[in-house]
Amino acid sequence: MSMQGKSGSGTQGVLLVNLGTPNSPSVADVRSYLREFLWDPRVVKMARLPWWLVLNLVILPTRPKRTAAAYARVWTAEGSPLLAISKRQQQALQAELDRRSSDTRVVLAMTYGNPGIAAGLHELRAAGVQDILVLPLYPQYSDTTTAAVHDAVTAALQDGEWQPQLRYVDRYYQHPTYINALAESIRQFQSAHGSPDKLVMSFHGIPQDYVEAGDPYAGECEETARLLAEALGLSADQWCLTYQSRLGPKQWLQPYTCEQLAVLAREGTRNVQLVCPGFSADCLETLEEIAIENRAAFQAAGGETYDYIPCLNDHPAHINLFAELVAQNMQDRVS
């Protein structure tokens, strides 16, 4: 956690931030979203001119159609799963803080797409907030996610007209309440579906050279996985860690989830369960990539039973974690 300044007076605010989502699964909306997301230098660390050419001449003319089709497979009556779940998280956290008699306004924002971070800050300003805790919904820190939130908050406040006191929760990858909530969700799932031959913990990948340059993300994923396996009492042969969602030709963190599932199946693993401890809400990467695409890869390689364990989403234990993070990071304001 990093801090700027001291507590202000009046109502405090919490800005819950997740990655983002297109406004609809249309190709045009997906293209607009991908353009904003992939142009962020935190996401793609490449010289701007060459990357502009690749992005606009290679990726955006082709990828949005495929990605839009994937979004269409998981889109709900409430819209994007990520946005719908994030809204429920915001509402549940607001109710929990109200129950605790905390004078706190909780607002949801997305780093890319809508509702944007600038809009979220505007809402807090209109509510008279002068003291804000920014809570990115990423358990593990990465320059590609958490630091991008810092950048967007700074950019939204750069005109200097309103300068609230800011605090950030940068990570909670080893928080006991987080680990316990994950472990309990897995126990509950397995009480209904049985135990697998292997529990696969799949985290979103980042390029290997980002880690070599100092991004702590991989180490924090490994620690989360170790703590979760320990909480579940798993032996080394009962679980494994993998990374998903790689983009482009360069090497990303390995082993890759899709490839590892095929290896497991070929080696005789018949039953697997997948959990994604780096995602705070189910989204395209969990509901389509993990639950649909990777199931097909596992079964095509000879695997049989494949179960996806949902994210914590708006489960009460997850909301309690968020409330604890608010209390712990604004101790002089929350009792």
Protein backbone atom coordinates (compact mmCIF):
# COMPACT_ATOMS: atom_id res chain seq x y z
CA MET A 1 0.00 0.00 0.00
CA SER A 2 1.17 3.48 -0.85
CA MET A 3 -0.14 6.71 0.64
CA GLN A 4 -0.21 10.36 -0.26
CA GLY A 5 -0.98 12.88 2.42
CA LYS A 6 -3.17 12.53 5.49
CA SER A 7 -6.87 12.00 5.93
CA GLY A 8 -9.11 14.82 4.87
CA SER A 9 -12.40 15.77 6.47
CA GLY A 10 -15.87 14.74 5.41
CA THR A 11 -17.08 11.61 3.68
CA GLN A 12 -14.41 9.21 2.57
CA GLY A 13 -14.51 7.37 -0.71
CA VAL A 14 -13.50 4.01 -2.10
CA LEU A 15 -12.81 3.70 -5.82
CA LEU A 16 -13.12 0.05 -6.82
CA VAL A 17 -11.28 -0.46 -10.10
CA ASN A 18 -11.21 -3.40 -12.47
CA LEU A 19 -9.75 -3.74 -15.95
CA GLY A 20 -12.68 -2.96 -18.22
CA THR A 21 -15.01 -4.27 -20.86
CA PRO A 22 -16.49 -3.21 -24.20
CA ASN A 23 -19.92 -1.57 -24.14
CA SER A 24 -21.35 -4.45 -26.18
CA PRO A 25 -20.12 -7.57 -27.99
CA SER A 26 -20.33 -5.77 -31.33
CA VAL A 27 -17.17 -5.68 -33.43
CA ALA A 28 -17.12 -1.88 -33.35
CA ASP A 29 -17.35 -1.68 -29.56
CA VAL A 30 -14.77 -4.42 -29.08
CA ARG A 31 -12.41 -2.65 -31.50
CA SER A 32 -12.79 0.61 -29.57
CA TYR A 33 -12.11 -1.15 -26.29
CA LEU A 34 -9.08 -3.05 -27.59
CA ARG A 35 -7.65 0.15 -29.08
CA GLU A 36 -7.76 1.88 -25.69
CA PHE A 37 -6.50 -1.14 -23.77
CA LEU A 38 -3.67 -2.17 -26.07
CA TRP A 39 -2.44 1.38 -26.62
CA ASP A 40 -1.59 1.77 -22.91
CA PRO A 41 2.24 1.69 -22.63
CA ARG A 42 1.84 -0.17 -19.33
CA VAL A 43 0.20 -3.04 -21.22
CA VAL A 44 2.46 -3.15 -24.27
CA LYS A 45 5.97 -1.91 -23.54
CA MET A 46 7.10 -1.21 -27.08
CA ALA A 47 8.26 1.87 -28.96
CA ARG A 48 5.14 3.81 -29.85
CA LEU A 49 5.54 4.18 -33.61
CA PRO A 50 6.24 0.50 -34.38
CA TRP A 51 3.50 -0.54 -31.99
CA TRP A 52 1.04 1.95 -33.54
CA LEU A 53 1.67 0.31 -36.91
CA VAL A 54 1.21 -3.22 -35.55
CA LEU A 55 -1.86 -2.28 -33.56
CA ASN A 56 -3.66 -0.36 -36.28
CA LEU A 57 -2.54 -2.30 -39.36
CA VAL A 58 -2.42 -5.85 -38.04
CA ILE A 59 -4.33 -6.34 -34.78
CA LEU A 60 -7.34 -4.02 -34.96
CA PRO A 61 -8.38 -5.01 -38.50
CA THR A 62 -8.61 -8.71 -37.50
CA ARG A 63 -8.70 -9.45 -33.79
CA PRO A 64 -11.92 -7.57 -32.84
CA LYS A 65 -14.07 -9.94 -34.89
CA ARG A 66 -12.74 -13.01 -33.07
CA THR A 67 -12.86 -11.31 -29.68
CA ALA A 68 -16.41 -10.06 -30.29
CA ALA A 69 -17.52 -13.63 -31.03
CA ALA A 70 -15.96 -14.75 -27.75
CA TYR A 71 -17.72 -11.96 -25.83
CA ALA A 72 -21.02 -12.91 -27.46
CA ARG A 73 -20.69 -16.43 -26.02
CA VAL A 74 -20.58 -15.12 -22.44
CA TRP A 75 -22.65 -11.91 -22.66
CA THR A 76 -25.63 -11.89 -20.31
CA ALA A 77 -28.95 -10.10 -19.99
CA GLU A 78 -27.15 -7.76 -17.56
CA GLY A 79 -24.44 -7.10 -20.13
CA SER A 80 -20.76 -7.89 -19.72
CA PRO A 81 -20.20 -10.47 -16.96
CA LEU A 82 -17.28 -8.47 -15.58
CA LEU A 83 -19.29 -5.26 -15.35
CA ALA A 84 -22.39 -6.94 -13.95
CA ILE A 85 -20.41 -8.73 -11.24
CA SER A 86 -18.34 -5.63 -10.45
CA LYS A 87 -21.55 -3.66 -9.94
CA ARG A 88 -22.77 -6.28 -7.50
CA GLN A 89 -19.44 -6.11 -5.68
CA GLN A 90 -19.72 -2.33 -5.40
CA GLN A 91 -23.29 -2.54 -4.09
CA ALA A 92 -22.43 -5.29 -1.61
CA LEU A 93 -19.38 -3.44 -0.30
CA GLN A 94 -21.42 -0.26 0.08
CA ALA A 95 -24.02 -2.20 2.09
CA GLU A 96 -21.34 -3.81 4.25
CA LEU A 97 -19.63 -0.50 5.03
CA ASP A 98 -23.02 1.06 5.79
CA ARG A 99 -23.69 -1.82 8.17
CA ARG A 100 -20.40 -1.03 9.89
CA SER A 101 -21.51 2.60 10.28
CA SER A 102 -18.72 3.81 8.04
CA ASP A 103 -19.25 7.17 6.36
CA THR A 104 -17.94 5.85 3.06
CA ARG A 105 -19.03 6.22 -0.54
CA VAL A 106 -18.10 3.29 -2.81
CA VAL A 107 -17.84 3.93 -6.54
CA LEU A 108 -16.97 1.52 -9.35
CA ALA A 109 -14.64 2.36 -12.22
CA MET A 110 -12.82 0.61 -15.04
CA THR A 111 -9.32 1.41 -16.27
CA TYR A 112 -10.53 1.02 -19.88
CA GLY A 113 -14.06 1.49 -21.20
CA ASN A 114 -17.00 2.54 -19.07
CA PRO A 115 -17.53 3.59 -16.35
CA GLY A 116 -14.11 5.21 -16.54
CA ILE A 117 -11.84 6.27 -13.70
CA ALA A 118 -12.38 9.96 -14.46
CA ALA A 119 -16.15 9.45 -14.17
CA GLY A 120 -15.72 7.60 -10.89
CA LEU A 121 -13.60 10.35 -9.43
CA HIS A 122 -16.13 12.94 -10.61
CA GLU A 123 -18.87 11.05 -8.75
CA LEU A 124 -16.80 11.03 -5.57
CA ARG A 125 -16.04 14.73 -5.94
CA ALA A 126 -19.75 15.49 -6.36
CA ALA A 127 -20.40 13.59 -3.13
CA GLY A 128 -18.01 15.88 -1.26
CA VAL A 129 -15.29 13.27 -0.81
CA GLN A 130 -11.81 14.51 0.07
CA ASP A 131 -10.19 11.25 1.17
CA ILE A 132 -10.08 8.36 -1.33
CA LEU A 133 -8.87 4.79 -1.09
CA VAL A 134 -8.18 3.41 -4.56
CA LEU A 135 -8.74 -0.35 -4.51
CA PRO A 136 -7.67 -2.07 -7.75
CA LEU A 137 -9.31 -5.49 -7.84
CA TYR A 138 -6.05 -7.29 -8.61
CA PRO A 139 -4.74 -9.46 -5.76
CA GLN A 140 -1.25 -9.54 -7.28
CA TYR A 141 0.56 -6.35 -8.30
CA SER A 142 1.70 -5.83 -11.87
CA ASP A 143 2.78 -2.78 -13.84
CA THR A 144 0.30 -3.91 -16.50
CA THR A 145 -2.69 -3.64 -14.17
CA THR A 146 -2.19 -1.94 -10.80
CA ALA A 147 0.28 0.65 -12.06
CA ALA A 148 -2.07 1.43 -14.94
CA VAL A 149 -4.70 2.35 -12.35
CA HIS A 150 -2.25 4.74 -10.67
CA ASP A 151 -1.56 6.34 -14.06
CA ALA A 152 -5.25 6.78 -14.85
CA VAL A 153 -6.03 8.32 -11.45
CA THR A 154 -3.12 10.74 -11.82
CA ALA A 155 -4.21 11.69 -15.34
CA ALA A 156 -7.78 12.31 -14.21
CA LEU A 157 -6.59 14.72 -11.50
CA GLN A 158 -3.90 16.51 -13.50
CA ASP A 159 -5.89 19.72 -14.00
CA GLY A 160 -5.32 20.43 -10.30
CA GLU A 161 -8.82 21.76 -9.64
CA TRP A 162 -9.54 19.04 -7.09
CA GLN A 163 -6.78 17.23 -5.23
CA PRO A 164 -8.20 14.72 -2.75
CA GLN A 165 -6.00 12.77 -0.37
CA LEU A 166 -5.19 9.44 -2.06
CA ARG A 167 -4.31 6.04 -0.70
CA TYR A 168 -3.80 2.88 -2.74
CA VAL A 169 -4.16 -0.80 -2.01
CA ASP A 170 -1.53 -2.17 -4.36
CA ARG A 171 -1.81 -5.89 -3.58
CA TYR A 172 -3.47 -8.42 -1.30
CA TYR A 173 -2.08 -11.66 -2.75
CA GLN A 174 -1.20 -13.15 0.66
CA HIS A 175 -3.92 -11.61 2.81
CA PRO A 176 -5.24 -14.36 5.13
CA THR A 177 -8.88 -13.45 4.46
CA TYR A 178 -8.28 -13.69 0.71
CA ILE A 179 -6.55 -17.07 0.95
CA ASN A 180 -9.21 -18.42 3.31
CA ALA A 181 -12.03 -17.22 1.04
CA LEU A 182 -10.42 -18.92 -1.96
CA ALA A 183 -9.86 -22.13 -0.02
CA GLU A 184 -13.42 -22.21 1.28
CA SER A 185 -14.87 -21.62 -2.18
CA ILE A 186 -12.87 -24.59 -3.48
CA ARG A 187 -13.97 -26.79 -0.57
CA GLN A 188 -17.59 -25.89 -1.20
CA PHE A 189 -17.26 -26.66 -4.90
CA GLN A 190 -15.59 -29.99 -4.23
CA SER A 191 -18.21 -30.98 -1.68
CA ALA A 192 -20.71 -30.86 -4.55
CA HIS A 193 -18.50 -32.07 -7.43
CA GLY A 194 -15.86 -34.26 -5.83
CA SER A 195 -12.10 -33.85 -5.75
CA PRO A 196 -10.04 -33.84 -8.96
CA ASP A 197 -6.87 -35.68 -9.87
CA LYS A 198 -5.28 -32.23 -10.21
CA LEU A 199 -6.23 -28.71 -9.16
CA VAL A 200 -4.91 -26.24 -11.75
CA MET A 201 -4.41 -22.68 -10.53
CA SER A 202 -4.42 -20.49 -13.64
CA PHE A 203 -3.25 -16.88 -13.49
CA HIS A 204 -3.30 -14.28 -16.25
CA GLY A 205 0.11 -14.20 -17.90
CA ILE A 206 2.42 -11.30 -18.70
CA PRO A 207 5.50 -11.26 -20.95
CA GLN A 208 8.54 -12.92 -19.42
CA ASP A 209 10.71 -9.88 -20.09
CA TYR A 210 8.42 -7.71 -17.93
CA VAL A 211 9.25 -9.96 -14.99
CA GLU A 212 12.95 -9.90 -15.84
CA ALA A 213 12.74 -6.09 -15.82
CA GLY A 214 11.43 -6.14 -12.25
CA ASP A 215 7.66 -6.68 -12.31
CA PRO A 216 6.91 -8.66 -9.10
CA TYR A 217 3.76 -10.28 -10.48
CA ALA A 218 5.07 -13.82 -11.03
CA GLY A 219 6.49 -14.12 -7.54
CA GLU A 220 3.23 -12.96 -6.01
CA CYS A 221 1.23 -15.46 -8.10
CA GLU A 222 3.55 -18.23 -6.93
CA GLU A 223 3.10 -17.20 -3.30
CA THR A 224 -0.68 -17.09 -3.65
CA ALA A 225 -0.66 -20.58 -5.16
CA ARG A 226 1.62 -21.92 -2.42
CA LEU A 227 -0.51 -20.45 0.36
CA LEU A 228 -3.72 -21.72 -1.23
CA ALA A 229 -2.33 -25.24 -1.65
CA GLU A 230 -1.17 -25.13 1.96
CA ALA A 231 -4.61 -23.99 3.17
CA LEU A 232 -6.20 -26.86 1.25
CA GLY A 233 -3.69 -29.39 2.53
CA LEU A 234 -2.61 -30.37 -1.00
CA SER A 235 0.55 -32.31 -1.73
CA ALA A 236 2.82 -31.20 -4.56
CA ASP A 237 1.36 -33.71 -7.01
CA GLN A 238 -2.22 -32.60 -6.40
CA TRP A 239 -1.94 -29.11 -7.87
CA CYS A 240 -0.04 -27.00 -10.39
CA LEU A 241 0.30 -23.35 -11.38
CA THR A 242 -0.17 -22.16 -14.97
CA TYR A 243 -0.53 -18.89 -16.90
CA GLN A 244 -3.16 -18.04 -19.49
CA SER A 245 -4.16 -15.38 -22.04
CA ARG A 246 -0.86 -14.74 -23.80
CA LEU A 247 -0.87 -12.36 -26.78
CA GLY A 248 1.68 -12.11 -29.59
CA PRO A 249 4.83 -14.07 -30.45
CA LYS A 250 7.09 -13.22 -27.49
CA GLN A 251 7.57 -15.56 -24.55
CA TRP A 252 5.15 -15.11 -21.66
CA LEU A 253 5.17 -16.64 -18.19
CA GLN A 254 5.04 -20.42 -18.37
CA PRO A 255 3.70 -23.06 -18.26
CA TYR A 256 0.85 -21.97 -20.52
CA THR A 257 -2.51 -23.18 -19.20
CA CYS A 258 -3.80 -24.59 -22.48
CA GLU A 259 -0.59 -26.50 -23.22
CA GLN A 260 -0.24 -27.79 -19.67
CA LEU A 261 -3.78 -29.16 -19.70
CA ALA A 262 -2.97 -31.15 -22.83
CA VAL A 263 0.22 -32.46 -21.19
CA LEU A 264 -1.73 -33.52 -18.09
CA ALA A 265 -4.29 -35.36 -20.20
CA ARG A 266 -1.64 -37.16 -22.23
CA GLU A 267 0.13 -38.19 -19.03
CA GLY A 268 -3.05 -39.83 -17.73
CA THR A 269 -4.75 -37.14 -15.67
CA ARG A 270 -8.44 -37.81 -16.22
CA ASN A 271 -10.08 -35.22 -13.96
CA VAL A 272 -9.08 -31.60 -13.39
CA GLN A 273 -10.56 -28.57 -11.73
CA LEU A 274 -9.51 -25.05 -12.72
CA VAL A 275 -9.48 -22.04 -10.43
CA CYS A 276 -8.27 -18.52 -11.30
CA PRO A 277 -6.94 -16.88 -8.09
CA GLY A 278 -5.77 -13.74 -9.87
CA PHE A 279 -9.24 -12.72 -11.04
CA SER A 280 -11.63 -10.98 -8.65
CA ALA A 281 -14.61 -11.43 -10.98
CA ASP A 282 -15.56 -13.81 -13.74
CA CYS A 283 -14.95 -12.34 -17.16
CA LEU A 284 -14.08 -13.24 -20.74
CA GLU A 285 -10.79 -14.85 -19.70
CA THR A 286 -12.44 -17.16 -17.16
CA LEU A 287 -15.86 -17.84 -18.67
CA GLU A 288 -14.80 -18.25 -22.29
CA GLU A 289 -11.08 -19.01 -22.35
CA ILE A 290 -10.89 -21.21 -19.26
CA ALA A 291 -14.40 -22.67 -19.01
CA ILE A 292 -14.93 -23.28 -22.75
CA GLU A 293 -11.73 -23.18 -24.83
CA ASN A 294 -9.43 -24.95 -22.40
CA ARG A 295 -12.05 -27.59 -21.60
CA ALA A 296 -12.02 -28.51 -25.29
CA ALA A 297 -8.21 -28.67 -25.32
CA PHE A 298 -8.10 -30.94 -22.26
CA GLN A 299 -10.75 -33.31 -23.56
CA ALA A 300 -9.26 -33.40 -27.06
CA ALA A 301 -5.99 -34.62 -25.50
CA GLY A 302 -7.76 -37.47 -23.71
CA GLY A 303 -8.95 -35.84 -20.50
CA GLU A 304 -12.41 -36.59 -19.18
CA THR A 305 -13.92 -34.47 -16.41
CA TYR A 306 -13.14 -30.75 -16.48
CA ASP A 307 -14.66 -28.35 -13.94
CA TYR A 308 -14.20 -24.61 -13.65
CA ILE A 309 -14.50 -23.19 -10.11
CA PRO A 310 -16.02 -19.68 -10.32
CA CYS A 311 -14.23 -16.59 -9.05
CA LEU A 312 -15.14 -15.23 -5.64
CA ASN A 313 -17.27 -12.56 -7.35
CA ASP A 314 -19.73 -11.06 -4.85
CA HIS A 315 -19.56 -13.93 -2.36
CA PRO A 316 -19.92 -12.57 1.21
CA ALA A 317 -16.40 -13.72 2.13
CA HIS A 318 -15.02 -11.71 -0.79
CA ILE A 319 -16.96 -8.61 0.22
CA ASN A 320 -15.72 -9.06 3.78
CA LEU A 321 -12.16 -9.05 2.41
CA PHE A 322 -12.78 -5.75 0.64
CA ALA A 323 -14.27 -4.27 3.83
CA GLU A 324 -11.21 -5.42 5.78
CA LEU A 325 -8.90 -3.83 3.21
CA VAL A 326 -10.81 -0.56 3.54
CA ALA A 327 -10.61 -0.67 7.34
CA GLN A 328 -6.94 -1.61 7.41
CA ASN A 329 -5.92 1.09 4.94
CA MET A 330 -8.04 3.88 6.40
CA GLN A 331 -7.73 3.02 10.06
CA ASP A 332 -8.06 6.60 11.22
CA ARG A 333 -11.40 6.88 9.43
CA VAL A 334 -13.07 3.46 9.74
CA SER A 335 -13.87 1.83 13.05
